[in-house]
Amino acid sequence: MHDLRHGAASLAHSANADIKTIQHQLGHANIRVTADIYTTVLPPAARKVARKATRPDEHPGRKPHARASDG
Protein backbone atom coordinates (compact mmCIF):
# COMPACT_ATOMS: atom_id res chain seq x y z
CA MET A 1 0.00 0.00 0.00
CA HIS A 2 2.85 2.37 0.82
CA ASP A 3 4.35 1.98 -2.66
CA LEU A 4 1.06 3.18 -4.16
CA ARG A 5 1.50 6.53 -2.40
CA HIS A 6 4.94 6.93 -3.97
CA GLY A 7 3.57 5.96 -7.36
CA ALA A 8 0.62 8.33 -7.07
CA ALA A 9 2.92 11.19 -6.08
CA SER A 10 5.26 10.51 -9.00
CA LEU A 11 2.39 10.26 -11.49
CA ALA A 12 0.86 13.49 -10.21
CA HIS A 13 4.24 15.20 -10.51
CA SER A 14 4.64 13.91 -14.07
CA ALA A 15 1.18 15.32 -14.85
CA ASN A 16 2.50 18.75 -13.81
CA ALA A 17 0.76 18.88 -10.44
CA ASP A 18 2.66 21.29 -8.24
CA ILE A 19 4.51 19.84 -5.27
CA LYS A 20 2.40 21.78 -2.75
CA THR A 21 -0.77 20.12 -4.05
CA ILE A 22 0.85 16.69 -3.86
CA GLN A 23 2.00 17.44 -0.30
CA HIS A 24 -1.55 18.33 0.69
CA GLN A 25 -3.00 15.21 -0.97
CA LEU A 26 -0.56 12.95 0.87
CA GLY A 27 -1.00 14.77 4.17
CA HIS A 28 2.67 15.56 4.69
CA ALA A 29 3.54 18.29 7.18
CA ASN A 30 6.88 18.97 5.46
CA ILE A 31 7.10 19.61 1.72
CA ARG A 32 10.64 18.22 1.65
CA VAL A 33 9.30 14.76 2.53
CA THR A 34 7.03 14.96 -0.50
CA ALA A 35 9.71 16.30 -2.83
CA ASP A 36 12.70 14.27 -1.67
CA ILE A 37 11.15 10.93 -0.74
CA TYR A 38 7.78 10.52 -2.43
CA THR A 39 8.31 11.84 -5.94
CA THR A 40 10.50 10.34 -8.62
CA VAL A 41 11.18 11.69 -12.09
CA LEU A 42 9.74 9.03 -14.34
CA PRO A 43 11.61 8.09 -17.55
CA PRO A 44 9.07 9.63 -19.98
CA ALA A 45 9.26 12.97 -18.13
CA ALA A 46 13.06 12.86 -18.10
CA ARG A 47 13.13 12.18 -21.85
CA LYS A 48 10.71 15.04 -22.51
CA VAL A 49 12.90 17.51 -20.60
CA ALA A 50 16.05 16.25 -22.33
CA ARG A 51 14.37 16.58 -25.72
CA LYS A 52 13.34 20.17 -24.99
CA ALA A 53 16.82 21.03 -23.76
CA THR A 54 18.45 19.75 -26.93
CA ARG A 55 15.94 21.30 -29.34
CA PRO A 56 15.38 24.89 -28.21
CA ASP A 57 13.91 25.90 -31.58
CA GLU A 58 10.88 23.68 -30.90
CA HIS A 59 9.79 25.54 -27.76
CA PRO A 60 6.49 27.36 -28.18
CA GLY A 61 6.91 31.12 -28.12
CA ARG A 62 10.58 31.02 -28.97
CA LYS A 63 11.97 32.16 -32.25
CA PRO A 64 14.09 29.55 -34.01
CA HIS A 65 17.78 30.28 -34.35
CA ALA A 66 18.81 31.67 -37.71
CA ARG A 67 20.63 29.19 -39.87
CA ALA A 68 23.46 30.01 -42.27
CA SER A 69 21.33 28.78 -45.20
CA ASP A 70 18.44 31.15 -44.28
CA GLY A 71 20.37 33.94 -45.97
C-alpha atoms as a PDB file:
ATOM      1  CA  MET A   1       0.000   0.000   0.000  1.00  0.00           C
ATOM      2  CA  HIS A   2       2.849   2.373   0.822  1.00  0.00           C
ATOM      3  CA  ASP A   3       4.351   1.981  -2.664  1.00  0.00           C
ATOM      4  CA  LEU A   4       1.063   3.184  -4.157  1.00  0.00           C
ATOM      5  CA  ARG A   5       1.503   6.531  -2.396  1.00  0.00           C
ATOM      6  CA  HIS A   6       4.944   6.927  -3.966  1.00  0.00           C
ATOM      7  CA  GLY A   7       3.570   5.957  -7.359  1.00  0.00           C
ATOM      8  CA  ALA A   8       0.622   8.327  -7.070  1.00  0.00           C
ATOM      9  CA  ALA A   9       2.922  11.192  -6.079  1.00  0.00           C
ATOM     10  CA  SER A  10       5.262  10.508  -9.000  1.00  0.00           C
ATOM     11  CA  LEU A  11       2.392  10.260 -11.494  1.00  0.00           C
ATOM     12  CA  ALA A  12       0.861  13.489 -10.206  1.00  0.00           C
ATOM     13  CA  HIS A  13       4.236  15.202 -10.506  1.00  0.00           C
ATOM     14  CA  SER A  14       4.636  13.907 -14.068  1.00  0.00           C
ATOM     15  CA  ALA A  15       1.182  15.318 -14.852  1.00  0.00           C
ATOM     16  CA  ASN A  16       2.500  18.752 -13.811  1.00  0.00           C
ATOM     17  CA  ALA A  17       0.765  18.881 -10.435  1.00  0.00           C
ATOM     18  CA  ASP A  18       2.661  21.289  -8.235  1.00  0.00           C
ATOM     19  CA  ILE A  19       4.508  19.841  -5.268  1.00  0.00           C
ATOM     20  CA  LYS A  20       2.400  21.776  -2.749  1.00  0.00           C
ATOM     21  CA  THR A  21      -0.769  20.124  -4.049  1.00  0.00           C
ATOM     22  CA  ILE A  22       0.848  16.695  -3.857  1.00  0.00           C
ATOM     23  CA  GLN A  23       2.003  17.444  -0.301  1.00  0.00           C
ATOM     24  CA  HIS A  24      -1.553  18.327   0.687  1.00  0.00           C
ATOM     25  CA  GLN A  25      -3.005  15.206  -0.966  1.00  0.00           C
ATOM     26  CA  LEU A  26      -0.562  12.953   0.865  1.00  0.00           C
ATOM     27  CA  GLY A  27      -1.001  14.775   4.168  1.00  0.00           C
ATOM     28  CA  HIS A  28       2.666  15.558   4.690  1.00  0.00           C
ATOM     29  CA  ALA A  29       3.543  18.290   7.181  1.00  0.00           C
ATOM     30  CA  ASN A  30       6.876  18.971   5.457  1.00  0.00           C
ATOM     31  CA  ILE A  31       7.099  19.606   1.719  1.00  0.00           C
ATOM     32  CA  ARG A  32      10.643  18.215   1.654  1.00  0.00           C
ATOM     33  CA  VAL A  33       9.301  14.760   2.529  1.00  0.00           C
ATOM     34  CA  THR A  34       7.026  14.956  -0.502  1.00  0.00           C
ATOM     35  CA  ALA A  35       9.705  16.301  -2.830  1.00  0.00           C
ATOM     36  CA  ASP A  36      12.697  14.272  -1.666  1.00  0.00           C
ATOM     37  CA  ILE A  37      11.150  10.930  -0.736  1.00  0.00           C
ATOM     38  CA  TYR A  38       7.782  10.520  -2.430  1.00  0.00           C
ATOM     39  CA  THR A  39       8.312  11.836  -5.944  1.00  0.00           C
ATOM     40  CA  THR A  40      10.501  10.339  -8.621  1.00  0.00           C
ATOM     41  CA  VAL A  41      11.177  11.690 -12.090  1.00  0.00           C
ATOM     42  CA  LEU A  42       9.739   9.025 -14.338  1.00  0.00           C
ATOM     43  CA  PRO A  43      11.615   8.092 -17.546  1.00  0.00           C
ATOM     44  CA  PRO A  44       9.070   9.632 -19.976  1.00  0.00           C
ATOM     45  CA  ALA A  45       9.258  12.970 -18.132  1.00  0.00           C
ATOM     46  CA  ALA A  46      13.058  12.861 -18.097  1.00  0.00           C
ATOM     47  CA  ARG A  47      13.128  12.181 -21.847  1.00  0.00           C
ATOM     48  CA  LYS A  48      10.711  15.037 -22.507  1.00  0.00           C
ATOM     49  CA  VAL A  49      12.902  17.507 -20.600  1.00  0.00           C
ATOM     50  CA  ALA A  50      16.046  16.247 -22.329  1.00  0.00           C
ATOM     51  CA  ARG A  51      14.374  16.579 -25.725  1.00  0.00           C
ATOM     52  CA  LYS A  52      13.336  20.172 -24.992  1.00  0.00           C
ATOM     53  CA  ALA A  53      16.818  21.035 -23.765  1.00  0.00           C
ATOM     54  CA  THR A  54      18.448  19.749 -26.935  1.00  0.00           C
ATOM     55  CA  ARG A  55      15.935  21.304 -29.338  1.00  0.00           C
ATOM     56  CA  PRO A  56      15.378  24.894 -28.212  1.00  0.00           C
ATOM     57  CA  ASP A  57      13.914  25.897 -31.580  1.00  0.00           C
ATOM     58  CA  GLU A  58      10.885  23.676 -30.896  1.00  0.00           C
ATOM     59  CA  HIS A  59       9.791  25.539 -27.763  1.00  0.00           C
ATOM     60  CA  PRO A  60       6.488  27.361 -28.177  1.00  0.00           C
ATOM     61  CA  GLY A  61       6.906  31.118 -28.122  1.00  0.00           C
ATOM     62  CA  ARG A  62      10.580  31.015 -28.967  1.00  0.00           C
ATOM     63  CA  LYS A  63      11.970  32.156 -32.248  1.00  0.00           C
ATOM     64  CA  PRO A  64      14.094  29.554 -34.015  1.00  0.00           C
ATOM     65  CA  HIS A  65      17.785  30.281 -34.349  1.00  0.00           C
ATOM     66  CA  ALA A  66      18.812  31.671 -37.711  1.00  0.00           C
ATOM     67  CA  ARG A  67      20.634  29.190 -39.875  1.00  0.00           C
ATOM     68  CA  ALA A  68      23.460  30.005 -42.266  1.00  0.00           C
ATOM     69  CA  SER A  69      21.328  28.777 -45.195  1.00  0.00           C
ATOM     70  CA  ASP A  70      18.444  31.155 -44.277  1.00  0.00           C
ATOM     71  CA  GLY A  71      20.371  33.941 -45.965  1.00  0.00           C
END
